[in-house]
């Protein structure tokens, strides 16, 4: 497996992987599948994004987005990481996060943060393994399929 910066041509594969996460209801509050055209803007280079490629196919991605429009927070990015369900357990998520951290540092970010469903133990383990710490829980953060879900806040100082 190898990593590389994501680009708009990866939109179809990234949408497929993200949509699997939506269907599973374990990693996002989103419920509407995304089309590649919608995902393309995530990969336009404005914020760090990487893909993991194995045998020519994208098997995982990690991307960042703005934390806040306020200038004082310009060095903070919110991140997501997703792995193709068929590829989990092979280290692709770890590789994606390791490279995303490197790229965010290279581009001058000082902090990465995210929210993770409290019951998403694999993601929580992954993030601890690459240096994130859990800093609190937002209870009843949002509803998913009519049920309140809690999220753990994670951060890593770069």
C-alpha atoms as a PDB file:
ATOM      1  CA  UNK A   1       0.000   0.000   0.000  1.00  0.00           C
ATOM      2  CA  UNK A   2       1.132   3.519  -0.790  1.00  0.00           C
ATOM      3  CA  UNK A   3      -0.117   6.985   0.057  1.00  0.00           C
ATOM      4  CA  UNK A   4      -0.332  10.042  -2.100  1.00  0.00           C
ATOM      5  CA  UNK A   5      -2.103  13.390  -2.041  1.00  0.00           C
ATOM      6  CA  UNK A   6      -5.734  13.040  -3.044  1.00  0.00           C
ATOM      7  CA  UNK A   7      -6.894  14.829  -6.176  1.00  0.00           C
ATOM      8  CA  UNK A   8     -10.246  15.456  -7.869  1.00  0.00           C
ATOM      9  CA  UNK A   9      -9.796  12.332 -10.023  1.00  0.00           C
ATOM     10  CA  UNK A  10     -10.154  10.275  -6.811  1.00  0.00           C
ATOM     11  CA  UNK A  11     -13.691  11.570  -6.231  1.00  0.00           C
ATOM     12  CA  UNK A  12     -15.463   8.431  -7.440  1.00  0.00           C
ATOM     13  CA  UNK A  13     -13.460   6.094  -5.187  1.00  0.00           C
ATOM     14  CA  UNK A  14     -13.663   8.456  -2.204  1.00  0.00           C
ATOM     15  CA  UNK A  15     -17.437   8.806  -2.650  1.00  0.00           C
ATOM     16  CA  UNK A  16     -17.803   5.012  -2.780  1.00  0.00           C
ATOM     17  CA  UNK A  17     -15.820   4.564   0.449  1.00  0.00           C
ATOM     18  CA  UNK A  18     -17.597   7.439   2.208  1.00  0.00           C
ATOM     19  CA  UNK A  19     -21.011   6.156   1.122  1.00  0.00           C
ATOM     20  CA  UNK A  20     -20.196   2.769   2.663  1.00  0.00           C
ATOM     21  CA  UNK A  21     -19.597   4.609   5.939  1.00  0.00           C
ATOM     22  CA  UNK A  22     -22.944   6.355   5.589  1.00  0.00           C
ATOM     23  CA  UNK A  23     -24.720   3.027   5.007  1.00  0.00           C
ATOM     24  CA  UNK A  24     -23.073   1.390   8.030  1.00  0.00           C
ATOM     25  CA  UNK A  25     -24.148   4.187  10.392  1.00  0.00           C
ATOM     26  CA  UNK A  26     -20.923   3.917  12.423  1.00  0.00           C
ATOM     27  CA  UNK A  27     -18.918   6.965  11.418  1.00  0.00           C
ATOM     28  CA  UNK A  28     -21.050   9.910  10.290  1.00  0.00           C
ATOM     29  CA  UNK A  29     -24.368  11.588  10.953  1.00  0.00           C
ATOM     30  CA  UNK A  30     -24.835  11.976   7.209  1.00  0.00           C
ATOM     31  CA  UNK A  31     -27.590   9.831   5.711  1.00  0.00           C
ATOM     32  CA  UNK A  32     -27.625  10.942   2.073  1.00  0.00           C
ATOM     33  CA  UNK A  33     -25.100   9.248  -0.211  1.00  0.00           C
ATOM     34  CA  UNK A  34     -22.673  11.618  -1.887  1.00  0.00           C
ATOM     35  CA  UNK A  35     -22.086  11.807  -5.622  1.00  0.00           C
ATOM     36  CA  UNK A  36     -18.514  12.088  -6.923  1.00  0.00           C
ATOM     37  CA  UNK A  37     -19.235  15.656  -8.072  1.00  0.00           C
ATOM     38  CA  UNK A  38     -19.985  16.627  -4.459  1.00  0.00           C
ATOM     39  CA  UNK A  39     -16.854  14.931  -3.124  1.00  0.00           C
ATOM     40  CA  UNK A  40     -14.587  16.569  -5.713  1.00  0.00           C
ATOM     41  CA  UNK A  41     -14.410  19.810  -3.700  1.00  0.00           C
ATOM     42  CA  UNK A  42     -12.980  17.894  -0.706  1.00  0.00           C
ATOM     43  CA  UNK A  43     -10.017  16.960  -2.906  1.00  0.00           C
ATOM     44  CA  UNK A  44      -9.249  20.281  -4.585  1.00  0.00           C
ATOM     45  CA  UNK A  45      -6.078  20.905  -2.571  1.00  0.00           C
ATOM     46  CA  UNK A  46      -7.437  23.720  -0.409  1.00  0.00           C
ATOM     47  CA  UNK A  47      -7.036  21.467   2.655  1.00  0.00           C
ATOM     48  CA  UNK A  48      -4.838  18.398   3.117  1.00  0.00           C
ATOM     49  CA  UNK A  49      -6.323  15.135   1.838  1.00  0.00           C
ATOM     50  CA  UNK A  50      -4.611  11.823   1.127  1.00  0.00           C
ATOM     51  CA  UNK A  51      -5.536   8.464  -0.332  1.00  0.00           C
ATOM     52  CA  UNK A  52      -4.121   5.000   0.229  1.00  0.00           C
ATOM     53  CA  UNK A  53      -3.714   2.991  -2.945  1.00  0.00           C
ATOM     54  CA  UNK A  54      -3.271  -0.772  -3.135  1.00  0.00           C
ATOM     55  CA  UNK A  55      -2.810  -2.542  -6.430  1.00  0.00           C
ATOM     56  CA  UNK A  56      -4.000   0.557  -8.291  1.00  0.00           C
ATOM     57  CA  UNK A  57      -7.219   1.005  -6.289  1.00  0.00           C
ATOM     58  CA  UNK A  58      -8.010   3.619  -3.634  1.00  0.00           C
ATOM     59  CA  UNK A  59      -8.738   1.666  -0.433  1.00  0.00           C
ATOM     60  CA  UNK A  60      -8.804   4.481   2.160  1.00  0.00           C
ATOM     61  CA  UNK A  61      -8.737   8.229   2.459  1.00  0.00           C
ATOM     62  CA  UNK A  62      -8.240  10.898   5.085  1.00  0.00           C
ATOM     63  CA  UNK A  63      -9.242  14.486   4.512  1.00  0.00           C
ATOM     64  CA  UNK A  64      -9.448  17.768   6.343  1.00  0.00           C
ATOM     65  CA  UNK A  65     -11.755  20.752   6.247  1.00  0.00           C
ATOM     66  CA  UNK A  66     -11.995  24.140   7.902  1.00  0.00           C
ATOM     67  CA  UNK A  67     -12.644  24.081  11.623  1.00  0.00           C
ATOM     68  CA  UNK A  68     -13.909  27.665  11.692  1.00  0.00           C
ATOM     69  CA  UNK A  69     -14.007  30.618   9.285  1.00  0.00           C
ATOM     70  CA  UNK A  70     -12.367  32.851  11.945  1.00  0.00           C
ATOM     71  CA  UNK A  71      -8.759  33.767  11.125  1.00  0.00           C
ATOM     72  CA  UNK A  72      -7.541  32.916  14.635  1.00  0.00           C
ATOM     73  CA  UNK A  73      -8.386  29.241  13.949  1.00  0.00           C
ATOM     74  CA  UNK A  74      -6.774  29.041  10.520  1.00  0.00           C
ATOM     75  CA  UNK A  75      -4.215  26.484  11.725  1.00  0.00           C
ATOM     76  CA  UNK A  76      -6.836  24.030  12.973  1.00  0.00           C
ATOM     77  CA  UNK A  77      -8.471  21.495  10.678  1.00  0.00           C
ATOM     78  CA  UNK A  78     -11.253  19.012  11.253  1.00  0.00           C
ATOM     79  CA  UNK A  79     -10.505  15.600   9.762  1.00  0.00           C
ATOM     80  CA  UNK A  80     -12.192  12.400   8.625  1.00  0.00           C
ATOM     81  CA  UNK A  81     -10.751   8.991   7.821  1.00  0.00           C
ATOM     82  CA  UNK A  82     -12.535   6.147   6.039  1.00  0.00           C
ATOM     83  CA  UNK A  83     -11.424   2.732   4.809  1.00  0.00           C
ATOM     84  CA  UNK A  84     -13.169   0.517   2.285  1.00  0.00           C
ATOM     85  CA  UNK A  85     -15.039  -2.082   4.379  1.00  0.00           C
ATOM     86  CA  UNK A  86     -13.371  -4.926   2.447  1.00  0.00           C
ATOM     87  CA  UNK A  87      -9.929  -3.528   3.289  1.00  0.00           C
ATOM     88  CA  UNK A  88     -10.270  -2.921   7.020  1.00  0.00           C
ATOM     89  CA  UNK A  89      -7.771  -4.466   9.383  1.00  0.00           C
ATOM     90  CA  UNK A  90      -4.855  -4.192   6.946  1.00  0.00           C
ATOM     91  CA  UNK A  91      -3.443  -0.874   8.174  1.00  0.00           C
ATOM     92  CA  UNK A  92      -4.833   1.399   5.449  1.00  0.00           C
ATOM     93  CA  UNK A  93      -6.523   3.736   7.939  1.00  0.00           C
ATOM     94  CA  UNK A  94      -3.332   3.994   9.990  1.00  0.00           C
ATOM     95  CA  UNK A  95      -1.338   4.746   6.854  1.00  0.00           C
ATOM     96  CA  UNK A  96      -3.863   7.388   5.748  1.00  0.00           C
ATOM     97  CA  UNK A  97      -3.797   9.128   9.122  1.00  0.00           C
ATOM     98  CA  UNK A  98      -0.010   9.034   9.398  1.00  0.00           C
ATOM     99  CA  UNK A  99       0.321  10.674   6.003  1.00  0.00           C
ATOM    100  CA  UNK A 100      -2.469  13.190   6.700  1.00  0.00           C
ATOM    101  CA  UNK A 101      -0.686  14.272   9.895  1.00  0.00           C
ATOM    102  CA  UNK A 102       2.590  14.722   7.973  1.00  0.00           C
ATOM    103  CA  UNK A 103       0.858  16.730   5.258  1.00  0.00           C
ATOM    104  CA  UNK A 104      -1.010  18.931   7.759  1.00  0.00           C
ATOM    105  CA  UNK A 105       2.261  19.646   9.606  1.00  0.00           C
ATOM    106  CA  UNK A 106       4.030  20.413   6.336  1.00  0.00           C
ATOM    107  CA  UNK A 107       1.284  22.897   5.468  1.00  0.00           C
ATOM    108  CA  UNK A 108       1.553  24.701   8.819  1.00  0.00           C
ATOM    109  CA  UNK A 109      -1.460  23.393  10.718  1.00  0.00           C
ATOM    110  CA  UNK A 110      -1.038  23.208  14.495  1.00  0.00           C
ATOM    111  CA  UNK A 111      -3.993  21.011  15.419  1.00  0.00           C
ATOM    112  CA  UNK A 112      -6.236  18.313  13.955  1.00  0.00           C
ATOM    113  CA  UNK A 113      -9.537  17.444  15.576  1.00  0.00           C
ATOM    114  CA  UNK A 114     -12.654  15.393  15.001  1.00  0.00           C
ATOM    115  CA  UNK A 115     -15.719  13.855  16.594  1.00  0.00           C
ATOM    116  CA  UNK A 116     -16.071  10.057  16.748  1.00  0.00           C
ATOM    117  CA  UNK A 117     -19.149   8.041  17.730  1.00  0.00           C
ATOM    118  CA  UNK A 118     -18.478   6.740  21.245  1.00  0.00           C
ATOM    119  CA  UNK A 119     -19.206   3.163  20.165  1.00  0.00           C
ATOM    120  CA  UNK A 120     -16.795   3.292  17.198  1.00  0.00           C
ATOM    121  CA  UNK A 121     -14.023   1.417  19.020  1.00  0.00           C
ATOM    122  CA  UNK A 122     -11.922   0.682  15.901  1.00  0.00           C
ATOM    123  CA  UNK A 123     -11.678   4.381  14.997  1.00  0.00           C
ATOM    124  CA  UNK A 124     -10.920   5.344  18.572  1.00  0.00           C
ATOM    125  CA  UNK A 125      -8.101   2.742  18.714  1.00  0.00           C
ATOM    126  CA  UNK A 126      -6.726   3.929  15.382  1.00  0.00           C
ATOM    127  CA  UNK A 127      -6.666   7.554  16.466  1.00  0.00           C
ATOM    128  CA  UNK A 128      -4.987   6.772  19.799  1.00  0.00           C
ATOM    129  CA  UNK A 129      -2.343   4.791  17.898  1.00  0.00           C
ATOM    130  CA  UNK A 130      -1.370   7.869  15.861  1.00  0.00           C
ATOM    131  CA  UNK A 131      -1.219  10.235  18.828  1.00  0.00           C
ATOM    132  CA  UNK A 132      -4.722  11.640  19.251  1.00  0.00           C
ATOM    133  CA  UNK A 133      -6.157  12.139  22.695  1.00  0.00           C
ATOM    134  CA  UNK A 134      -9.788  12.067  23.719  1.00  0.00           C
ATOM    135  CA  UNK A 135     -10.707  15.365  25.338  1.00  0.00           C
ATOM    136  CA  UNK A 136     -14.390  14.966  26.127  1.00  0.00           C
ATOM    137  CA  UNK A 137     -17.800  13.751  25.073  1.00  0.00           C
ATOM    138  CA  UNK A 138     -20.639  15.673  23.480  1.00  0.00           C
ATOM    139  CA  UNK A 139     -23.756  13.931  24.734  1.00  0.00           C
ATOM    140  CA  UNK A 140     -26.806  13.858  22.471  1.00  0.00           C
ATOM    141  CA  UNK A 141     -24.755  15.595  19.801  1.00  0.00           C
ATOM    142  CA  UNK A 142     -27.184  14.823  16.986  1.00  0.00           C
ATOM    143  CA  UNK A 143     -29.791  12.312  15.908  1.00  0.00           C
ATOM    144  CA  UNK A 144     -29.119   9.516  13.477  1.00  0.00           C
ATOM    145  CA  UNK A 145     -32.141   7.563  12.277  1.00  0.00           C
ATOM    146  CA  UNK A 146     -34.159   9.140  15.086  1.00  0.00           C
ATOM    147  CA  UNK A 147     -31.778   8.125  17.905  1.00  0.00           C
ATOM    148  CA  UNK A 148     -29.537  10.496  19.837  1.00  0.00           C
ATOM    149  CA  UNK A 149     -25.836   9.723  19.448  1.00  0.00           C
ATOM    150  CA  UNK A 150     -22.905  10.811  21.584  1.00  0.00           C
ATOM    151  CA  UNK A 151     -19.491  11.671  20.148  1.00  0.00           C
ATOM    152  CA  UNK A 152     -15.991  11.699  21.599  1.00  0.00           C
ATOM    153  CA  UNK A 153     -13.878  14.748  20.786  1.00  0.00           C
ATOM    154  CA  UNK A 154     -10.342  13.902  19.685  1.00  0.00           C
ATOM    155  CA  UNK A 155      -7.403  16.180  18.998  1.00  0.00           C
ATOM    156  CA  UNK A 156      -3.746  16.060  18.168  1.00  0.00           C
ATOM    157  CA  UNK A 157      -1.386  18.985  18.496  1.00  0.00           C
ATOM    158  CA  UNK A 158       1.071  19.127  15.624  1.00  0.00           C
END
